[in-house]
Amino acid sequence: MAELRLTMTAEARNVLTDLLRLIAPAAARVSVNRAKIPDIDAEVASFWTETLSAQSAEEARLLATAFANAKGEPAVILLKNDGQAFAFLRALSAVRIALRELVFADIPDAALEGSELLDDDSLPTEKRHALACYSCFGLLQQSLIQQLDPEAFD
């Protein structure tokens, strides 16, 4: 069982939950687009697209629900089994990739992965919220990967 401790305020969790609800459809589209589903057979391609889109949307809902239902100080998200943990990890990745492609396309990777942008007051509030989400989800990904595979970062 994986456990994620969210050392953030309830207000910050609410901002993340709201952002997740907004970005979830885009994250599902980005997941489908990045899959590069071959279109040789239209019926198979349609099935793959619908299945991947539904799975991505469900995983994004899992993520939003987990944040909305996190309780305690610090709030804790419990993932019951490896399947749920991997779904959570995929959802975190999908949201980060969607934010990367849709919101931060103009920012180099090195700057985006660094923390210096978080202190940039010239960024619009919405972009700062999205950046906080991107950074937070990166930390959650690391924590989750370390729990699933303790030797991953050796």
C-alpha atoms as a PDB file:
ATOM      1  CA  MET A   1       0.000   0.000   0.000  1.00  0.00           C
ATOM      2  CA  ALA A   2       1.372   3.405  -0.973  1.00  0.00           C
ATOM      3  CA  GLU A   3       0.837   6.491   1.122  1.00  0.00           C
ATOM      4  CA  LEU A   4       1.270  10.118   0.100  1.00  0.00           C
ATOM      5  CA  ARG A   5       1.432  12.833   2.751  1.00  0.00           C
ATOM      6  CA  LEU A   6       0.313  16.227   1.509  1.00  0.00           C
ATOM      7  CA  THR A   7       1.922  18.925   3.603  1.00  0.00           C
ATOM      8  CA  MET A   8      -0.198  21.687   2.133  1.00  0.00           C
ATOM      9  CA  THR A   9      -3.150  23.677   3.312  1.00  0.00           C
ATOM     10  CA  ALA A  10      -6.718  22.674   2.587  1.00  0.00           C
ATOM     11  CA  GLU A  11      -6.911  25.776   0.383  1.00  0.00           C
ATOM     12  CA  ALA A  12      -3.924  24.579  -1.670  1.00  0.00           C
ATOM     13  CA  ARG A  13      -5.547  21.149  -2.044  1.00  0.00           C
ATOM     14  CA  ASN A  14      -8.736  22.873  -3.226  1.00  0.00           C
ATOM     15  CA  VAL A  15      -6.766  24.844  -5.841  1.00  0.00           C
ATOM     16  CA  LEU A  16      -5.165  21.599  -7.061  1.00  0.00           C
ATOM     17  CA  THR A  17      -8.534  19.841  -7.153  1.00  0.00           C
ATOM     18  CA  ASP A  18     -10.075  22.687  -9.166  1.00  0.00           C
ATOM     19  CA  LEU A  19      -7.139  22.708 -11.559  1.00  0.00           C
ATOM     20  CA  LEU A  20      -7.399  18.945 -11.963  1.00  0.00           C
ATOM     21  CA  ARG A  21     -11.046  19.207 -12.919  1.00  0.00           C
ATOM     22  CA  LEU A  22     -10.151  21.802 -15.539  1.00  0.00           C
ATOM     23  CA  ILE A  23      -7.136  20.004 -17.001  1.00  0.00           C
ATOM     24  CA  ALA A  24      -8.507  16.426 -16.883  1.00  0.00           C
ATOM     25  CA  PRO A  25     -10.138  16.460 -20.353  1.00  0.00           C
ATOM     26  CA  ALA A  26      -7.002  18.001 -21.877  1.00  0.00           C
ATOM     27  CA  ALA A  27      -4.804  15.448 -20.090  1.00  0.00           C
ATOM     28  CA  ALA A  28      -6.885  12.639 -21.584  1.00  0.00           C
ATOM     29  CA  ARG A  29      -6.543  14.174 -25.077  1.00  0.00           C
ATOM     30  CA  VAL A  30      -2.791  14.625 -24.644  1.00  0.00           C
ATOM     31  CA  SER A  31      -2.464  10.989 -23.526  1.00  0.00           C
ATOM     32  CA  VAL A  32      -4.315   9.820 -26.629  1.00  0.00           C
ATOM     33  CA  ASN A  33      -2.302  12.102 -28.925  1.00  0.00           C
ATOM     34  CA  ARG A  34       1.030  11.031 -27.441  1.00  0.00           C
ATOM     35  CA  ALA A  35       0.114   7.355 -27.842  1.00  0.00           C
ATOM     36  CA  LYS A  36       0.432   7.714 -31.627  1.00  0.00           C
ATOM     37  CA  ILE A  37      -2.252   5.139 -32.274  1.00  0.00           C
ATOM     38  CA  PRO A  38      -1.766   3.702 -35.767  1.00  0.00           C
ATOM     39  CA  ASP A  39      -4.661   4.473 -38.074  1.00  0.00           C
ATOM     40  CA  ILE A  40      -4.188   1.555 -40.474  1.00  0.00           C
ATOM     41  CA  ASP A  41      -7.460   0.009 -39.266  1.00  0.00           C
ATOM     42  CA  ALA A  42     -10.014   2.694 -38.432  1.00  0.00           C
ATOM     43  CA  GLU A  43     -12.087   0.399 -36.218  1.00  0.00           C
ATOM     44  CA  VAL A  44      -9.100  -0.689 -34.127  1.00  0.00           C
ATOM     45  CA  ALA A  45      -7.801   2.880 -33.918  1.00  0.00           C
ATOM     46  CA  SER A  46     -11.210   4.082 -32.761  1.00  0.00           C
ATOM     47  CA  PHE A  47     -11.385   1.355 -30.105  1.00  0.00           C
ATOM     48  CA  TRP A  48      -7.875   2.180 -28.827  1.00  0.00           C
ATOM     49  CA  THR A  49      -8.623   5.899 -28.781  1.00  0.00           C
ATOM     50  CA  GLU A  50     -11.902   5.476 -26.888  1.00  0.00           C
ATOM     51  CA  THR A  51     -10.373   3.015 -24.418  1.00  0.00           C
ATOM     52  CA  LEU A  52      -7.305   5.146 -23.717  1.00  0.00           C
ATOM     53  CA  SER A  53      -9.403   8.281 -23.410  1.00  0.00           C
ATOM     54  CA  ALA A  54     -11.790   6.607 -20.952  1.00  0.00           C
ATOM     55  CA  GLN A  55      -8.906   5.182 -18.918  1.00  0.00           C
ATOM     56  CA  SER A  56      -7.157   8.566 -18.781  1.00  0.00           C
ATOM     57  CA  ALA A  57     -10.357  10.321 -17.741  1.00  0.00           C
ATOM     58  CA  GLU A  58     -10.972   7.735 -15.006  1.00  0.00           C
ATOM     59  CA  GLU A  59      -7.422   8.088 -13.712  1.00  0.00           C
ATOM     60  CA  ALA A  60      -7.774  11.886 -13.644  1.00  0.00           C
ATOM     61  CA  ARG A  61     -10.999  11.468 -11.632  1.00  0.00           C
ATOM     62  CA  LEU A  62      -9.125   9.174  -9.214  1.00  0.00           C
ATOM     63  CA  LEU A  63      -6.521  11.899  -8.767  1.00  0.00           C
ATOM     64  CA  ALA A  64      -9.058  14.694  -8.215  1.00  0.00           C
ATOM     65  CA  THR A  65     -11.103  12.554  -5.827  1.00  0.00           C
ATOM     66  CA  ALA A  66      -7.997  11.608  -3.850  1.00  0.00           C
ATOM     67  CA  PHE A  67      -7.078  15.259  -3.349  1.00  0.00           C
ATOM     68  CA  ALA A  68     -10.636  16.285  -2.528  1.00  0.00           C
ATOM     69  CA  ASN A  69     -11.011  13.481   0.030  1.00  0.00           C
ATOM     70  CA  ALA A  70      -7.578  13.748   1.650  1.00  0.00           C
ATOM     71  CA  LYS A  71      -8.024  14.184   5.400  1.00  0.00           C
ATOM     72  CA  GLY A  72      -5.818  15.113   8.299  1.00  0.00           C
ATOM     73  CA  GLU A  73      -2.878  17.391   8.925  1.00  0.00           C
ATOM     74  CA  PRO A  74      -0.850  16.543   6.998  1.00  0.00           C
ATOM     75  CA  ALA A  75      -3.487  15.170   4.682  1.00  0.00           C
ATOM     76  CA  VAL A  76      -2.854  11.584   3.643  1.00  0.00           C
ATOM     77  CA  ILE A  77      -3.785   9.814   0.431  1.00  0.00           C
ATOM     78  CA  LEU A  78      -3.792   6.043   0.799  1.00  0.00           C
ATOM     79  CA  LEU A  79      -3.503   3.964  -2.351  1.00  0.00           C
ATOM     80  CA  LYS A  80      -4.818   0.499  -1.573  1.00  0.00           C
ATOM     81  CA  ASN A  81      -2.722  -1.562  -3.976  1.00  0.00           C
ATOM     82  CA  ASP A  82      -0.099  -1.352  -6.700  1.00  0.00           C
ATOM     83  CA  GLY A  83      -2.738  -1.126  -9.429  1.00  0.00           C
ATOM     84  CA  GLN A  84      -4.230   1.981  -7.854  1.00  0.00           C
ATOM     85  CA  ALA A  85      -0.757   3.407  -7.223  1.00  0.00           C
ATOM     86  CA  PHE A  86       0.247   2.944 -10.869  1.00  0.00           C
ATOM     87  CA  ALA A  87      -3.037   4.508 -12.029  1.00  0.00           C
ATOM     88  CA  PHE A  88      -2.337   7.458  -9.732  1.00  0.00           C
ATOM     89  CA  LEU A  89       1.192   7.724 -11.126  1.00  0.00           C
ATOM     90  CA  ARG A  90      -0.113   7.665 -14.722  1.00  0.00           C
ATOM     91  CA  ALA A  91      -2.630  10.381 -13.869  1.00  0.00           C
ATOM     92  CA  LEU A  92       0.069  12.563 -12.292  1.00  0.00           C
ATOM     93  CA  SER A  93       2.174  12.074 -15.423  1.00  0.00           C
ATOM     94  CA  ALA A  94      -0.700  12.849 -17.783  1.00  0.00           C
ATOM     95  CA  VAL A  95      -1.522  16.085 -15.977  1.00  0.00           C
ATOM     96  CA  ARG A  96       2.127  17.164 -15.896  1.00  0.00           C
ATOM     97  CA  ILE A  97       2.543  16.407 -19.615  1.00  0.00           C
ATOM     98  CA  ALA A  98      -0.665  18.293 -20.438  1.00  0.00           C
ATOM     99  CA  LEU A  99       0.489  21.297 -18.401  1.00  0.00           C
ATOM    100  CA  ARG A 100       3.894  21.080 -20.085  1.00  0.00           C
ATOM    101  CA  GLU A 101       2.434  21.062 -23.578  1.00  0.00           C
ATOM    102  CA  LEU A 102      -0.517  23.408 -23.093  1.00  0.00           C
ATOM    103  CA  VAL A 103       0.562  25.945 -20.476  1.00  0.00           C
ATOM    104  CA  PHE A 104       4.354  25.907 -20.396  1.00  0.00           C
ATOM    105  CA  ALA A 105       5.269  25.275 -24.035  1.00  0.00           C
ATOM    106  CA  ASP A 106       7.301  28.512 -24.056  1.00  0.00           C
ATOM    107  CA  ILE A 107       9.427  27.575 -21.026  1.00  0.00           C
ATOM    108  CA  PRO A 108      12.584  25.469 -21.442  1.00  0.00           C
ATOM    109  CA  ASP A 109      12.604  22.154 -19.571  1.00  0.00           C
ATOM    110  CA  ALA A 110      15.525  23.152 -17.332  1.00  0.00           C
ATOM    111  CA  ALA A 111      13.684  26.262 -16.129  1.00  0.00           C
ATOM    112  CA  LEU A 112      10.416  24.394 -15.700  1.00  0.00           C
ATOM    113  CA  GLU A 113      11.963  21.626 -13.615  1.00  0.00           C
ATOM    114  CA  GLY A 114      13.842  24.153 -11.457  1.00  0.00           C
ATOM    115  CA  SER A 115      12.154  26.045  -8.673  1.00  0.00           C
ATOM    116  CA  GLU A 116      13.200  29.549  -9.729  1.00  0.00           C
ATOM    117  CA  LEU A 117       9.971  30.100 -11.686  1.00  0.00           C
ATOM    118  CA  LEU A 118       7.872  29.646  -8.540  1.00  0.00           C
ATOM    119  CA  ASP A 119       9.164  32.994  -7.268  1.00  0.00           C
ATOM    120  CA  ASP A 120       8.455  34.826 -10.532  1.00  0.00           C
ATOM    121  CA  ASP A 121       5.787  37.375  -9.591  1.00  0.00           C
ATOM    122  CA  SER A 122       5.493  38.475 -13.225  1.00  0.00           C
ATOM    123  CA  LEU A 123       3.665  35.221 -14.066  1.00  0.00           C
ATOM    124  CA  PRO A 124      -0.125  35.502 -14.057  1.00  0.00           C
ATOM    125  CA  THR A 125      -1.809  33.943 -11.022  1.00  0.00           C
ATOM    126  CA  GLU A 126      -3.306  31.113 -13.099  1.00  0.00           C
ATOM    127  CA  LYS A 127       0.111  30.224 -14.496  1.00  0.00           C
ATOM    128  CA  ARG A 128       1.666  30.313 -11.005  1.00  0.00           C
ATOM    129  CA  HIS A 129      -1.077  27.945  -9.771  1.00  0.00           C
ATOM    130  CA  ALA A 130      -0.429  25.638 -12.705  1.00  0.00           C
ATOM    131  CA  LEU A 131       3.304  25.765 -12.004  1.00  0.00           C
ATOM    132  CA  ALA A 132       2.739  24.935  -8.332  1.00  0.00           C
ATOM    133  CA  CYS A 133       0.616  21.984  -9.441  1.00  0.00           C
ATOM    134  CA  TYR A 134       3.300  20.863 -11.903  1.00  0.00           C
ATOM    135  CA  SER A 135       5.993  21.025  -9.215  1.00  0.00           C
ATOM    136  CA  CYS A 136       3.861  19.399  -6.534  1.00  0.00           C
ATOM    137  CA  PHE A 137       2.913  16.550  -8.840  1.00  0.00           C
ATOM    138  CA  GLY A 138       6.574  16.017  -9.705  1.00  0.00           C
ATOM    139  CA  LEU A 139       7.364  15.582  -6.010  1.00  0.00           C
ATOM    140  CA  LEU A 140       4.407  13.236  -5.595  1.00  0.00           C
ATOM    141  CA  GLN A 141       5.632  11.201  -8.580  1.00  0.00           C
ATOM    142  CA  GLN A 142       9.057  10.851  -6.973  1.00  0.00           C
ATOM    143  CA  SER A 143       7.571   9.825  -3.641  1.00  0.00           C
ATOM    144  CA  LEU A 144       5.281   7.286  -5.253  1.00  0.00           C
ATOM    145  CA  ILE A 145       8.030   5.816  -7.443  1.00  0.00           C
ATOM    146  CA  GLN A 146      10.287   5.446  -4.402  1.00  0.00           C
ATOM    147  CA  GLN A 147       7.522   3.548  -2.614  1.00  0.00           C
ATOM    148  CA  LEU A 148       6.810   1.302  -5.587  1.00  0.00           C
ATOM    149  CA  ASP A 149      10.488   0.744  -6.447  1.00  0.00           C
ATOM    150  CA  PRO A 150      12.842   1.761  -3.603  1.00  0.00           C
ATOM    151  CA  GLU A 151      15.896   1.331  -5.849  1.00  0.00           C
ATOM    152  CA  ALA A 152      14.556   3.576  -8.648  1.00  0.00           C
ATOM    153  CA  PHE A 153      16.701   6.594  -7.755  1.00  0.00           C
ATOM    154  CA  ASP A 154      19.903   4.773  -6.739  1.00  0.00           C
END
